[in-house]
Structure formats: structure tokens, C-alpha cells
């Protein structure tokens, strides 16, 4: 293999310090476990897959830099590699179960079929139930020398301290909105669209890519924000009807609340006259109007209500009742 097909930064946008650290670990020998922490859509999984490629690429031109083109690299990228085990909940917001951890542990007891390292990737591990978390702790304690375990999570504090203490923790952070916008423009996105997507992504480049690759995400956001505008002045009957519709699909309800939360955070920031850039820049006029008709306490109350609703969804509170309370607590302006 001649020349580098994957760049020094593993074709990732941002996280240079993390790539530099992991490249050194590839060269000098990896730790047995890692935790990549940060908000979803930040590129945690992409970084983990690049690390797995760097560990196992057999045609690398430079130490720590995978070629990206060999069979091993392509299969790892597709998460279809014999020496890569991927564990995740069936859907975002789901549950990682103990049987999945036990299956992964059985795979880790086998020596690699073709690679130098057998890699186990545990995605969104904050979704693990207690039994699964305890099973992983036992796996971490007994992992063989040829095994590398990589966990991703929103926040280390969501995991058992005994799990975190056994991992090399990399806290990944969002990029600057301007940096994401430039990267999107380089990919050919029109300036206005690149600006909007960069702001909506909040500096999470992985999420920005999802937004431009799947038009339905932006369309859904537009619909949910339009519905929110109507709900602010809706009657109780209309709100109850919408609550019934909203609560029928838990995943959709969670996604809707996240969209509304980003919007009301913008309203709260404008009410507080903060200099922070808006996320929903295309809704600037209506956000300024709402902020002008509310005080900070009221805006903060809406934000707190949405955040509490997300927490209660994790605890399986009745979604219909939760939606009704959420909508009835919206300010009438």
C-alpha cells in the first residue's frame, strides 16, 4: 500500500488531541479499556471505529494511521468485522441488557481470528441496565491482553464509578459552530444552509452530517416547531388532542421534546439577554418576540419542564400523562 489514504487526523473533523493520544497508544500498546464521553452526534462512534482500524490495519503506511481501504478497514467501518463486537440497545433510548454483555464476554475469550486485537465496542453505555453494568465490570476485570474495550456515553457520571475508573476517559467536546460551518461548506453545502445546520448541530459534527444526509430530520424539526407555535395559543382541548397523538410513539415524543428544548433554551437565553449564539437561527424573529413577552423565570420554567419530562421518560412514566402536563404548562401568550 503506497501513500496515506486516511489523513493524520483519521479523516475526522476536530478531536485532534484525542486522535494524537490514541495514535501513540496504537504505537506503544493500547490500554485495555476506553470511555469516549460527550454529547450524542459528536463523533464518538467514528473515533472508536478509526481507533479499531488503526489497531488492526495490516497495510498501514504510517504507524497509527490506518489505510482505510484494505478489507480489514472496510469491514470495521461497516461494523461487520470478525474481530469486532458491537453492543448497543435496539434503538436510541432503549436498554442494553445483561445477555448482550455475556455474549460479548464469550467473544472476548476467543483469540482474534485475523487481527492483532479483538475489539468490543459498547455504544451509548448509559443505556445499560444495572445487571448489564455489573456484568461489564466483571468483563473489564477479566479481559485478556489481546482485547480492547471501547465504551461511549453521554457523560461518565452516568456510569458506575468502578467502570469509569478502569477506563482511559476521553471527554470529547463540541466544535465551534464556525468550524462546523466551514467543514460543511468544504463538503459543498451552500453558505446559508451550512450556517443553519452548524447552528442546529451545536458544534456536533456527526449530527451535522446526519442532518445533511437525511432531509427528513430537518423537515421533522420544521414541523415540530410549527406545531409548537400553534400550541402556545391552543385551547386545552387542542392540547389534549395533541398530547394523545404525541404519546403514541415514545421515540418520536422524545425527539419532539429535544427539538422544543433547543428552541426554549434559545428563548431563555434571549430573555436573559445573553450573547450566546442561537441554535435555531432561522427562527430568530419569533424567538426574539417570545423573549420580549416573557420574563426569565417563566422561560426557565419551560426549559426545566422539558428537561424533567426527558428524565421522567427514562423512568417510564406514563407518556400520555407526561405529555398532557407538559403541554398544559406551556405559557399562553
C-alpha atoms as a PDB file:
ATOM      1  CA  UNK A   1       0.000   0.000   0.000  1.00  0.00           C
ATOM      2  CA  UNK A   2       1.586   3.291  -1.045  1.00  0.00           C
ATOM      3  CA  UNK A   3       0.753   6.641   0.487  1.00  0.00           C
ATOM      4  CA  UNK A   4      -1.722   7.541   3.203  1.00  0.00           C
ATOM      5  CA  UNK A   5      -5.381   7.228   2.314  1.00  0.00           C
ATOM      6  CA  UNK A   6      -6.516   8.272   5.778  1.00  0.00           C
ATOM      7  CA  UNK A   7      -5.052  11.570   6.966  1.00  0.00           C
ATOM      8  CA  UNK A   8      -3.096  12.252  10.136  1.00  0.00           C
ATOM      9  CA  UNK A   9      -6.393  13.167  11.826  1.00  0.00           C
ATOM     10  CA  UNK A  10      -8.073   9.933  10.677  1.00  0.00           C
ATOM     11  CA  UNK A  11     -10.372  11.921   8.299  1.00  0.00           C
ATOM     12  CA  UNK A  12     -12.216  13.250  11.349  1.00  0.00           C
ATOM     13  CA  UNK A  13     -13.263  16.864  11.825  1.00  0.00           C
ATOM     14  CA  UNK A  14     -11.995  18.025  15.215  1.00  0.00           C
ATOM     15  CA  UNK A  15     -10.823  15.982  18.212  1.00  0.00           C
ATOM     16  CA  UNK A  16      -7.186  16.340  17.105  1.00  0.00           C
ATOM     17  CA  UNK A  17      -5.874  15.908  20.655  1.00  0.00           C
ATOM     18  CA  UNK A  18      -7.796  12.632  21.066  1.00  0.00           C
ATOM     19  CA  UNK A  19      -6.506  11.270  17.750  1.00  0.00           C
ATOM     20  CA  UNK A  20      -2.924  12.191  18.688  1.00  0.00           C
ATOM     21  CA  UNK A  21      -3.264  10.391  22.025  1.00  0.00           C
ATOM     22  CA  UNK A  22      -4.809   7.271  20.500  1.00  0.00           C
ATOM     23  CA  UNK A  23      -2.171   7.095  17.755  1.00  0.00           C
ATOM     24  CA  UNK A  24       0.500   6.977  20.467  1.00  0.00           C
ATOM     25  CA  UNK A  25      -1.408   4.184  22.172  1.00  0.00           C
ATOM     26  CA  UNK A  26      -1.535   2.226  18.899  1.00  0.00           C
ATOM     27  CA  UNK A  27       2.247   2.564  18.573  1.00  0.00           C
ATOM     28  CA  UNK A  28       3.157   1.909  22.212  1.00  0.00           C
ATOM     29  CA  UNK A  29       0.396  -0.526  23.122  1.00  0.00           C
ATOM     30  CA  UNK A  30      -3.263   0.278  23.935  1.00  0.00           C
ATOM     31  CA  UNK A  31      -4.965   0.350  27.320  1.00  0.00           C
ATOM     32  CA  UNK A  32      -7.412  -2.474  27.902  1.00  0.00           C
ATOM     33  CA  UNK A  33     -10.455  -0.145  28.116  1.00  0.00           C
ATOM     34  CA  UNK A  34     -11.511   3.326  26.951  1.00  0.00           C
ATOM     35  CA  UNK A  35     -14.503   5.580  27.534  1.00  0.00           C
ATOM     36  CA  UNK A  36     -15.320   8.176  24.863  1.00  0.00           C
ATOM     37  CA  UNK A  37     -17.696  10.614  26.543  1.00  0.00           C
ATOM     38  CA  UNK A  38     -19.600  13.577  25.159  1.00  0.00           C
ATOM     39  CA  UNK A  39     -22.990  14.587  23.727  1.00  0.00           C
ATOM     40  CA  UNK A  40     -24.541  12.348  21.049  1.00  0.00           C
ATOM     41  CA  UNK A  41     -23.685  13.276  17.476  1.00  0.00           C
ATOM     42  CA  UNK A  42     -20.183  14.340  18.479  1.00  0.00           C
ATOM     43  CA  UNK A  43     -18.379  11.600  16.536  1.00  0.00           C
ATOM     44  CA  UNK A  44     -17.739   9.170  19.400  1.00  0.00           C
ATOM     45  CA  UNK A  45     -18.528   6.103  17.310  1.00  0.00           C
ATOM     46  CA  UNK A  46     -16.489   7.361  14.341  1.00  0.00           C
ATOM     47  CA  UNK A  47     -13.490   7.925  16.606  1.00  0.00           C
ATOM     48  CA  UNK A  48     -13.904   4.441  18.093  1.00  0.00           C
ATOM     49  CA  UNK A  49     -14.053   2.804  14.652  1.00  0.00           C
ATOM     50  CA  UNK A  50     -10.974   4.722  13.464  1.00  0.00           C
ATOM     51  CA  UNK A  51      -9.139   3.558  16.588  1.00  0.00           C
ATOM     52  CA  UNK A  52     -10.172  -0.043  15.875  1.00  0.00           C
ATOM     53  CA  UNK A  53      -8.915   0.372  12.297  1.00  0.00           C
ATOM     54  CA  UNK A  54      -5.611   1.838  13.491  1.00  0.00           C
ATOM     55  CA  UNK A  55      -5.149  -1.087  15.885  1.00  0.00           C
ATOM     56  CA  UNK A  56      -5.807  -3.749  13.257  1.00  0.00           C
ATOM     57  CA  UNK A  57      -4.936  -2.333   9.804  1.00  0.00           C
ATOM     58  CA  UNK A  58      -2.293  -4.617   8.316  1.00  0.00           C
ATOM     59  CA  UNK A  59      -1.403  -2.389   5.350  1.00  0.00           C
ATOM     60  CA  UNK A  60      -0.810   0.896   7.171  1.00  0.00           C
ATOM     61  CA  UNK A  61       1.801   3.147   5.541  1.00  0.00           C
ATOM     62  CA  UNK A  62       2.481   5.042   8.803  1.00  0.00           C
ATOM     63  CA  UNK A  63       2.251   3.820  12.383  1.00  0.00           C
ATOM     64  CA  UNK A  64      -1.087   4.691  13.935  1.00  0.00           C
ATOM     65  CA  UNK A  65      -2.708   5.735  10.638  1.00  0.00           C
ATOM     66  CA  UNK A  66      -4.975   3.101   9.020  1.00  0.00           C
ATOM     67  CA  UNK A  67      -5.172   2.912   5.246  1.00  0.00           C
ATOM     68  CA  UNK A  68      -8.980   2.898   5.194  1.00  0.00           C
ATOM     69  CA  UNK A  69      -9.034   0.829   2.005  1.00  0.00           C
ATOM     70  CA  UNK A  70      -7.998  -2.703   2.945  1.00  0.00           C
ATOM     71  CA  UNK A  71     -10.514  -5.418   3.722  1.00  0.00           C
ATOM     72  CA  UNK A  72      -9.975  -5.067   7.484  1.00  0.00           C
ATOM     73  CA  UNK A  73     -10.543  -1.288   7.457  1.00  0.00           C
ATOM     74  CA  UNK A  74     -13.657  -1.520   5.286  1.00  0.00           C
ATOM     75  CA  UNK A  75     -15.206  -4.276   7.384  1.00  0.00           C
ATOM     76  CA  UNK A  76     -14.516  -2.387  10.613  1.00  0.00           C
ATOM     77  CA  UNK A  77     -16.070   0.776   9.118  1.00  0.00           C
ATOM     78  CA  UNK A  78     -19.196  -1.256   8.304  1.00  0.00           C
ATOM     79  CA  UNK A  79     -19.090  -2.861  11.799  1.00  0.00           C
ATOM     80  CA  UNK A  80     -19.030  -6.264  10.077  1.00  0.00           C
ATOM     81  CA  UNK A  81     -15.546  -7.395  11.157  1.00  0.00           C
ATOM     82  CA  UNK A  82     -14.935 -10.832  12.649  1.00  0.00           C
ATOM     83  CA  UNK A  83     -12.791  -9.437  15.467  1.00  0.00           C
ATOM     84  CA  UNK A  84     -15.119  -6.526  16.274  1.00  0.00           C
ATOM     85  CA  UNK A  85     -18.072  -6.992  18.629  1.00  0.00           C
ATOM     86  CA  UNK A  86     -20.642  -4.175  18.765  1.00  0.00           C
ATOM     87  CA  UNK A  87     -23.076  -3.950  21.685  1.00  0.00           C
ATOM     88  CA  UNK A  88     -25.889  -1.389  21.726  1.00  0.00           C
ATOM     89  CA  UNK A  89     -29.556  -1.012  22.603  1.00  0.00           C
ATOM     90  CA  UNK A  90     -32.036  -1.868  19.854  1.00  0.00           C
ATOM     91  CA  UNK A  91     -32.881   1.817  19.477  1.00  0.00           C
ATOM     92  CA  UNK A  92     -31.659   5.121  20.900  1.00  0.00           C
ATOM     93  CA  UNK A  93     -33.102   5.493  24.377  1.00  0.00           C
ATOM     94  CA  UNK A  94     -33.503   1.697  24.667  1.00  0.00           C
ATOM     95  CA  UNK A  95     -31.826  -0.690  27.104  1.00  0.00           C
ATOM     96  CA  UNK A  96     -28.575  -2.655  26.899  1.00  0.00           C
ATOM     97  CA  UNK A  97     -29.303  -5.989  28.590  1.00  0.00           C
ATOM     98  CA  UNK A  98     -27.131  -8.378  30.566  1.00  0.00           C
ATOM     99  CA  UNK A  99     -27.358 -11.132  27.923  1.00  0.00           C
ATOM    100  CA  UNK A 100     -25.705  -8.803  25.397  1.00  0.00           C
ATOM    101  CA  UNK A 101     -22.770  -8.271  27.766  1.00  0.00           C
ATOM    102  CA  UNK A 102     -22.461 -12.004  28.413  1.00  0.00           C
ATOM    103  CA  UNK A 103     -22.397 -12.679  24.664  1.00  0.00           C
ATOM    104  CA  UNK A 104     -19.667 -10.060  24.245  1.00  0.00           C
ATOM    105  CA  UNK A 105     -17.674 -11.603  27.095  1.00  0.00           C
ATOM    106  CA  UNK A 106     -17.814 -15.011  25.399  1.00  0.00           C
ATOM    107  CA  UNK A 107     -16.476 -13.462  22.196  1.00  0.00           C
ATOM    108  CA  UNK A 108     -13.656 -11.763  24.101  1.00  0.00           C
ATOM    109  CA  UNK A 109     -12.458 -15.084  25.491  1.00  0.00           C
ATOM    110  CA  UNK A 110     -11.661 -16.157  21.903  1.00  0.00           C
ATOM    111  CA  UNK A 111      -8.335 -15.138  20.435  1.00  0.00           C
ATOM    112  CA  UNK A 112      -8.579 -12.890  17.342  1.00  0.00           C
ATOM    113  CA  UNK A 113      -9.316 -14.715  14.106  1.00  0.00           C
ATOM    114  CA  UNK A 114      -7.237 -12.449  11.864  1.00  0.00           C
ATOM    115  CA  UNK A 115      -6.408  -9.243  13.716  1.00  0.00           C
ATOM    116  CA  UNK A 116      -3.891  -8.241  16.349  1.00  0.00           C
ATOM    117  CA  UNK A 117      -6.616  -7.133  18.751  1.00  0.00           C
ATOM    118  CA  UNK A 118     -10.180  -8.216  19.404  1.00  0.00           C
ATOM    119  CA  UNK A 119     -12.190  -5.021  19.897  1.00  0.00           C
ATOM    120  CA  UNK A 120     -15.523  -4.738  21.718  1.00  0.00           C
ATOM    121  CA  UNK A 121     -17.489  -1.535  21.189  1.00  0.00           C
ATOM    122  CA  UNK A 122     -20.239  -0.699  23.713  1.00  0.00           C
ATOM    123  CA  UNK A 123     -22.280   2.170  22.282  1.00  0.00           C
ATOM    124  CA  UNK A 124     -24.345   4.562  24.470  1.00  0.00           C
ATOM    125  CA  UNK A 125     -23.485   2.559  27.556  1.00  0.00           C
ATOM    126  CA  UNK A 126     -25.516   4.887  29.773  1.00  0.00           C
ATOM    127  CA  UNK A 127     -28.452   2.851  28.424  1.00  0.00           C
ATOM    128  CA  UNK A 128     -27.231  -0.318  30.179  1.00  0.00           C
ATOM    129  CA  UNK A 129     -29.429  -1.668  32.977  1.00  0.00           C
ATOM    130  CA  UNK A 130     -27.877  -2.454  36.379  1.00  0.00           C
ATOM    131  CA  UNK A 131     -27.281  -6.135  35.627  1.00  0.00           C
ATOM    132  CA  UNK A 132     -25.576  -5.293  32.332  1.00  0.00           C
ATOM    133  CA  UNK A 133     -23.377  -2.669  34.004  1.00  0.00           C
ATOM    134  CA  UNK A 134     -22.290  -5.146  36.684  1.00  0.00           C
ATOM    135  CA  UNK A 135     -21.596  -7.790  34.036  1.00  0.00           C
ATOM    136  CA  UNK A 136     -19.405  -5.337  32.119  1.00  0.00           C
ATOM    137  CA  UNK A 137     -17.476  -4.556  35.300  1.00  0.00           C
ATOM    138  CA  UNK A 138     -16.649  -8.253  35.622  1.00  0.00           C
ATOM    139  CA  UNK A 139     -15.650  -8.306  31.930  1.00  0.00           C
ATOM    140  CA  UNK A 140     -13.314  -5.351  32.435  1.00  0.00           C
ATOM    141  CA  UNK A 141     -11.639  -7.118  35.333  1.00  0.00           C
ATOM    142  CA  UNK A 142     -11.107 -10.314  33.344  1.00  0.00           C
ATOM    143  CA  UNK A 143     -10.367  -9.014  29.829  1.00  0.00           C
ATOM    144  CA  UNK A 144      -7.469 -10.828  28.113  1.00  0.00           C
ATOM    145  CA  UNK A 145      -4.393  -8.944  26.897  1.00  0.00           C
ATOM    146  CA  UNK A 146      -5.459  -9.063  23.236  1.00  0.00           C
ATOM    147  CA  UNK A 147      -8.828  -7.395  23.978  1.00  0.00           C
ATOM    148  CA  UNK A 148      -9.584  -3.673  23.762  1.00  0.00           C
ATOM    149  CA  UNK A 149     -12.946  -2.474  25.091  1.00  0.00           C
ATOM    150  CA  UNK A 150     -14.331   0.900  23.989  1.00  0.00           C
ATOM    151  CA  UNK A 151     -17.382   2.439  25.656  1.00  0.00           C
ATOM    152  CA  UNK A 152     -19.263   5.524  24.522  1.00  0.00           C
ATOM    153  CA  UNK A 153     -21.552   7.514  26.816  1.00  0.00           C
ATOM    154  CA  UNK A 154     -23.006  10.989  27.109  1.00  0.00           C
ATOM    155  CA  UNK A 155     -21.368  11.565  30.484  1.00  0.00           C
ATOM    156  CA  UNK A 156     -19.008   9.482  32.694  1.00  0.00           C
ATOM    157  CA  UNK A 157     -21.155  10.371  35.709  1.00  0.00           C
ATOM    158  CA  UNK A 158     -23.960   8.250  34.207  1.00  0.00           C
ATOM    159  CA  UNK A 159     -21.862   5.085  34.631  1.00  0.00           C
ATOM    160  CA  UNK A 160     -20.701   3.136  37.670  1.00  0.00           C
ATOM    161  CA  UNK A 161     -17.592   4.815  39.144  1.00  0.00           C
ATOM    162  CA  UNK A 162     -15.919   1.388  39.225  1.00  0.00           C
ATOM    163  CA  UNK A 163     -16.369   1.099  35.435  1.00  0.00           C
ATOM    164  CA  UNK A 164     -15.077   4.616  34.765  1.00  0.00           C
ATOM    165  CA  UNK A 165     -12.026   4.064  36.981  1.00  0.00           C
ATOM    166  CA  UNK A 166     -10.984   1.091  34.843  1.00  0.00           C
ATOM    167  CA  UNK A 167     -11.143   3.086  31.591  1.00  0.00           C
ATOM    168  CA  UNK A 168      -8.965   5.675  29.918  1.00  0.00           C
ATOM    169  CA  UNK A 169     -11.508   8.507  29.749  1.00  0.00           C
ATOM    170  CA  UNK A 170     -11.563  10.874  26.757  1.00  0.00           C
ATOM    171  CA  UNK A 171     -14.010  13.740  27.241  1.00  0.00           C
ATOM    172  CA  UNK A 172     -14.918  14.940  23.750  1.00  0.00           C
ATOM    173  CA  UNK A 173     -16.377  18.404  23.288  1.00  0.00           C
ATOM    174  CA  UNK A 174     -18.383  20.101  20.531  1.00  0.00           C
ATOM    175  CA  UNK A 175     -16.522  22.124  17.934  1.00  0.00           C
ATOM    176  CA  UNK A 176     -17.078  25.799  17.340  1.00  0.00           C
ATOM    177  CA  UNK A 177     -20.145  26.482  15.203  1.00  0.00           C
ATOM    178  CA  UNK A 178     -17.963  28.391  12.706  1.00  0.00           C
ATOM    179  CA  UNK A 179     -15.619  25.387  12.381  1.00  0.00           C
ATOM    180  CA  UNK A 180     -18.545  23.087  11.605  1.00  0.00           C
ATOM    181  CA  UNK A 181     -19.904  25.601   9.088  1.00  0.00           C
ATOM    182  CA  UNK A 182     -16.538  25.777   7.273  1.00  0.00           C
ATOM    183  CA  UNK A 183     -16.294  21.986   7.160  1.00  0.00           C
ATOM    184  CA  UNK A 184     -19.801  21.749   5.694  1.00  0.00           C
ATOM    185  CA  UNK A 185     -19.028  24.407   3.079  1.00  0.00           C
ATOM    186  CA  UNK A 186     -15.921  22.448   2.069  1.00  0.00           C
ATOM    187  CA  UNK A 187     -18.242  19.490   1.508  1.00  0.00           C
ATOM    188  CA  UNK A 188     -20.218  21.633  -0.946  1.00  0.00           C
ATOM    189  CA  UNK A 189     -23.084  22.878   1.204  1.00  0.00           C
ATOM    190  CA  UNK A 190     -24.446  26.331   0.350  1.00  0.00           C
ATOM    191  CA  UNK A 191     -23.391  29.014   2.870  1.00  0.00           C
ATOM    192  CA  UNK A 192     -26.863  29.693   4.320  1.00  0.00           C
ATOM    193  CA  UNK A 193     -27.665  26.004   4.713  1.00  0.00           C
ATOM    194  CA  UNK A 194     -24.231  25.305   6.193  1.00  0.00           C
ATOM    195  CA  UNK A 195     -24.780  28.058   8.767  1.00  0.00           C
ATOM    196  CA  UNK A 196     -28.217  26.733   9.728  1.00  0.00           C
ATOM    197  CA  UNK A 197     -27.047  23.121  10.045  1.00  0.00           C
ATOM    198  CA  UNK A 198     -23.941  24.152  12.008  1.00  0.00           C
ATOM    199  CA  UNK A 199     -26.067  26.078  14.499  1.00  0.00           C
ATOM    200  CA  UNK A 200     -28.679  23.321  14.854  1.00  0.00           C
ATOM    201  CA  UNK A 201     -25.905  20.779  15.408  1.00  0.00           C
ATOM    202  CA  UNK A 202     -24.500  22.817  18.284  1.00  0.00           C
ATOM    203  CA  UNK A 203     -20.982  22.023  17.108  1.00  0.00           C
ATOM    204  CA  UNK A 204     -21.609  18.256  16.916  1.00  0.00           C
ATOM    205  CA  UNK A 205     -20.191  17.408  13.510  1.00  0.00           C
ATOM    206  CA  UNK A 206     -21.561  13.866  13.443  1.00  0.00           C
ATOM    207  CA  UNK A 207     -25.067  15.222  13.981  1.00  0.00           C
ATOM    208  CA  UNK A 208     -24.461  17.892  11.327  1.00  0.00           C
ATOM    209  CA  UNK A 209     -23.631  15.146   8.815  1.00  0.00           C
ATOM    210  CA  UNK A 210     -26.813  13.279   9.734  1.00  0.00           C
ATOM    211  CA  UNK A 211     -28.836  16.442   9.136  1.00  0.00           C
ATOM    212  CA  UNK A 212     -27.479  16.924   5.611  1.00  0.00           C
ATOM    213  CA  UNK A 213     -27.649  13.229   4.707  1.00  0.00           C
ATOM    214  CA  UNK A 214     -31.263  12.766   5.866  1.00  0.00           C
ATOM    215  CA  UNK A 215     -33.586  15.559   4.727  1.00  0.00           C
ATOM    216  CA  UNK A 216     -36.397  14.163   6.864  1.00  0.00           C
ATOM    217  CA  UNK A 217     -34.609  15.282  10.049  1.00  0.00           C
ATOM    218  CA  UNK A 218     -34.783  18.960   9.079  1.00  0.00           C
ATOM    219  CA  UNK A 219     -38.325  18.529   7.748  1.00  0.00           C
ATOM    220  CA  UNK A 220     -39.426  16.945  11.041  1.00  0.00           C
ATOM    221  CA  UNK A 221     -37.782  19.756  13.011  1.00  0.00           C
ATOM    222  CA  UNK A 222     -39.673  22.330  10.932  1.00  0.00           C
ATOM    223  CA  UNK A 223     -42.987  20.537  11.532  1.00  0.00           C
ATOM    224  CA  UNK A 224     -42.428  20.211  15.287  1.00  0.00           C
ATOM    225  CA  UNK A 225     -41.514  23.871  15.687  1.00  0.00           C
ATOM    226  CA  UNK A 226     -44.550  24.942  13.670  1.00  0.00           C
ATOM    227  CA  UNK A 227     -46.715  22.738  15.882  1.00  0.00           C
ATOM    228  CA  UNK A 228     -45.136  24.293  18.971  1.00  0.00           C
ATOM    229  CA  UNK A 229     -46.054  27.755  17.731  1.00  0.00           C
ATOM    230  CA  UNK A 230     -49.678  26.662  17.330  1.00  0.00           C
ATOM    231  CA  UNK A 231     -49.730  25.009  20.759  1.00  0.00           C
ATOM    232  CA  UNK A 232     -48.682  28.185  22.545  1.00  0.00           C
ATOM    233  CA  UNK A 233     -52.060  29.736  21.691  1.00  0.00           C
ATOM    234  CA  UNK A 234     -54.065  26.480  21.529  1.00  0.00           C
ATOM    235  CA  UNK A 235     -57.085  25.625  23.704  1.00  0.00           C
ATOM    236  CA  UNK A 236     -56.985  22.914  26.370  1.00  0.00           C
ATOM    237  CA  UNK A 237     -58.962  20.609  24.094  1.00  0.00           C
ATOM    238  CA  UNK A 238     -56.431  21.061  21.293  1.00  0.00           C
ATOM    239  CA  UNK A 239     -53.551  20.453  23.692  1.00  0.00           C
ATOM    240  CA  UNK A 240     -55.135  17.240  24.995  1.00  0.00           C
ATOM    241  CA  UNK A 241     -55.631  16.041  21.417  1.00  0.00           C
ATOM    242  CA  UNK A 242     -52.001  16.755  20.573  1.00  0.00           C
ATOM    243  CA  UNK A 243     -50.839  15.045  23.797  1.00  0.00           C
ATOM    244  CA  UNK A 244     -52.708  11.911  22.731  1.00  0.00           C
ATOM    245  CA  UNK A 245     -51.042  11.955  19.324  1.00  0.00           C
ATOM    246  CA  UNK A 246     -47.595  12.749  20.752  1.00  0.00           C
ATOM    247  CA  UNK A 247     -47.626   9.963  23.348  1.00  0.00           C
ATOM    248  CA  UNK A 248     -48.368   7.135  20.909  1.00  0.00           C
ATOM    249  CA  UNK A 249     -44.708   6.835  19.804  1.00  0.00           C
ATOM    250  CA  UNK A 250     -42.144   7.115  22.605  1.00  0.00           C
ATOM    251  CA  UNK A 251     -39.149   7.652  20.306  1.00  0.00           C
ATOM    252  CA  UNK A 252     -40.972  10.381  18.368  1.00  0.00           C
ATOM    253  CA  UNK A 253     -42.091  12.026  21.602  1.00  0.00           C
ATOM    254  CA  UNK A 254     -38.548  12.083  22.948  1.00  0.00           C
ATOM    255  CA  UNK A 255     -37.255  13.583  19.689  1.00  0.00           C
ATOM    256  CA  UNK A 256     -40.007  16.228  19.715  1.00  0.00           C
ATOM    257  CA  UNK A 257     -39.150  17.259  23.286  1.00  0.00           C
ATOM    258  CA  UNK A 258     -35.466  17.600  22.350  1.00  0.00           C
ATOM    259  CA  UNK A 259     -36.388  19.905  19.436  1.00  0.00           C
ATOM    260  CA  UNK A 260     -38.615  22.003  21.677  1.00  0.00           C
ATOM    261  CA  UNK A 261     -35.944  22.109  24.373  1.00  0.00           C
ATOM    262  CA  UNK A 262     -33.363  23.618  22.000  1.00  0.00           C
ATOM    263  CA  UNK A 263     -35.947  26.234  20.983  1.00  0.00           C
ATOM    264  CA  UNK A 264     -36.923  27.218  24.529  1.00  0.00           C
ATOM    265  CA  UNK A 265     -33.275  27.390  25.563  1.00  0.00           C
ATOM    266  CA  UNK A 266     -32.858  29.969  22.816  1.00  0.00           C
ATOM    267  CA  UNK A 267     -35.870  31.881  24.189  1.00  0.00           C
ATOM    268  CA  UNK A 268     -34.423  31.721  27.707  1.00  0.00           C
ATOM    269  CA  UNK A 269     -31.024  32.979  26.539  1.00  0.00           C
ATOM    270  CA  UNK A 270     -32.619  35.882  24.695  1.00  0.00           C
ATOM    271  CA  UNK A 271     -34.794  36.682  27.712  1.00  0.00           C
ATOM    272  CA  UNK A 272     -31.594  36.815  29.767  1.00  0.00           C
ATOM    273  CA  UNK A 273     -30.013  38.977  27.022  1.00  0.00           C
ATOM    274  CA  UNK A 274     -27.106  36.508  26.784  1.00  0.00           C
ATOM    275  CA  UNK A 275     -24.576  36.848  23.988  1.00  0.00           C
ATOM    276  CA  UNK A 276     -24.674  33.108  23.241  1.00  0.00           C
ATOM    277  CA  UNK A 277     -25.462  32.368  19.546  1.00  0.00           C
ATOM    278  CA  UNK A 278     -28.909  30.966  18.833  1.00  0.00           C
ATOM    279  CA  UNK A 279     -29.251  27.322  17.866  1.00  0.00           C
ATOM    280  CA  UNK A 280     -32.434  27.932  15.865  1.00  0.00           C
ATOM    281  CA  UNK A 281     -31.104  30.870  13.845  1.00  0.00           C
ATOM    282  CA  UNK A 282     -33.849  30.531  11.234  1.00  0.00           C
ATOM    283  CA  UNK A 283     -36.418  31.233  13.979  1.00  0.00           C
ATOM    284  CA  UNK A 284     -34.697  34.368  15.229  1.00  0.00           C
ATOM    285  CA  UNK A 285     -37.668  36.721  14.761  1.00  0.00           C
ATOM    286  CA  UNK A 286     -40.204  34.609  16.654  1.00  0.00           C
ATOM    287  CA  UNK A 287     -37.675  33.757  19.392  1.00  0.00           C
ATOM    288  CA  UNK A 288     -36.983  37.466  19.941  1.00  0.00           C
ATOM    289  CA  UNK A 289     -40.744  38.110  20.003  1.00  0.00           C
ATOM    290  CA  UNK A 290     -41.369  35.394  22.608  1.00  0.00           C
ATOM    291  CA  UNK A 291     -38.445  36.592  24.721  1.00  0.00           C
ATOM    292  CA  UNK A 292     -39.870  40.107  24.680  1.00  0.00           C
ATOM    293  CA  UNK A 293     -43.191  38.869  26.073  1.00  0.00           C
ATOM    294  CA  UNK A 294     -41.786  36.675  28.871  1.00  0.00           C
ATOM    295  CA  UNK A 295     -39.616  37.117  31.932  1.00  0.00           C
ATOM    296  CA  UNK A 296     -36.568  34.977  32.645  1.00  0.00           C
ATOM    297  CA  UNK A 297     -38.317  32.995  35.372  1.00  0.00           C
ATOM    298  CA  UNK A 298     -41.125  31.907  33.009  1.00  0.00           C
ATOM    299  CA  UNK A 299     -38.716  30.938  30.220  1.00  0.00           C
ATOM    300  CA  UNK A 300     -36.546  28.985  32.647  1.00  0.00           C
ATOM    301  CA  UNK A 301     -39.659  27.222  33.930  1.00  0.00           C
ATOM    302  CA  UNK A 302     -40.476  25.926  30.418  1.00  0.00           C
ATOM    303  CA  UNK A 303     -36.892  24.706  29.943  1.00  0.00           C
ATOM    304  CA  UNK A 304     -36.941  22.947  33.331  1.00  0.00           C
ATOM    305  CA  UNK A 305     -40.281  21.329  32.485  1.00  0.00           C
ATOM    306  CA  UNK A 306     -38.923  19.905  29.218  1.00  0.00           C
ATOM    307  CA  UNK A 307     -35.747  18.645  30.899  1.00  0.00           C
ATOM    308  CA  UNK A 308     -37.812  16.992  33.643  1.00  0.00           C
ATOM    309  CA  UNK A 309     -40.025  15.366  31.006  1.00  0.00           C
ATOM    310  CA  UNK A 310     -36.985  13.759  29.376  1.00  0.00           C
ATOM    311  CA  UNK A 311     -35.824  12.435  32.738  1.00  0.00           C
ATOM    312  CA  UNK A 312     -39.259  11.013  33.508  1.00  0.00           C
ATOM    313  CA  UNK A 313     -39.365   9.284  30.111  1.00  0.00           C
ATOM    314  CA  UNK A 314     -36.187   7.445  31.121  1.00  0.00           C
ATOM    315  CA  UNK A 315     -38.069   6.255  34.232  1.00  0.00           C
ATOM    316  CA  UNK A 316     -41.001   5.021  32.112  1.00  0.00           C
ATOM    317  CA  UNK A 317     -43.562   7.479  33.469  1.00  0.00           C
ATOM    318  CA  UNK A 318     -46.919   7.230  31.642  1.00  0.00           C
ATOM    319  CA  UNK A 319     -46.210   9.119  28.374  1.00  0.00           C
ATOM    320  CA  UNK A 320     -49.817  10.305  27.915  1.00  0.00           C
ATOM    321  CA  UNK A 321     -49.952  11.943  31.345  1.00  0.00           C
ATOM    322  CA  UNK A 322     -46.471  13.345  30.865  1.00  0.00           C
ATOM    323  CA  UNK A 323     -47.428  14.901  27.507  1.00  0.00           C
ATOM    324  CA  UNK A 324     -50.607  16.419  28.958  1.00  0.00           C
ATOM    325  CA  UNK A 325     -48.778  18.052  31.867  1.00  0.00           C
ATOM    326  CA  UNK A 326     -46.043  19.298  29.534  1.00  0.00           C
ATOM    327  CA  UNK A 327     -48.497  20.951  27.155  1.00  0.00           C
ATOM    328  CA  UNK A 328     -50.711  22.434  29.845  1.00  0.00           C
ATOM    329  CA  UNK A 329     -47.616  24.031  31.426  1.00  0.00           C
ATOM    330  CA  UNK A 330     -46.722  25.866  28.223  1.00  0.00           C
ATOM    331  CA  UNK A 331     -47.227  29.621  28.645  1.00  0.00           C
ATOM    332  CA  UNK A 332     -50.249  31.136  26.901  1.00  0.00           C
ATOM    333  CA  UNK A 333     -49.125  34.261  25.126  1.00  0.00           C
END
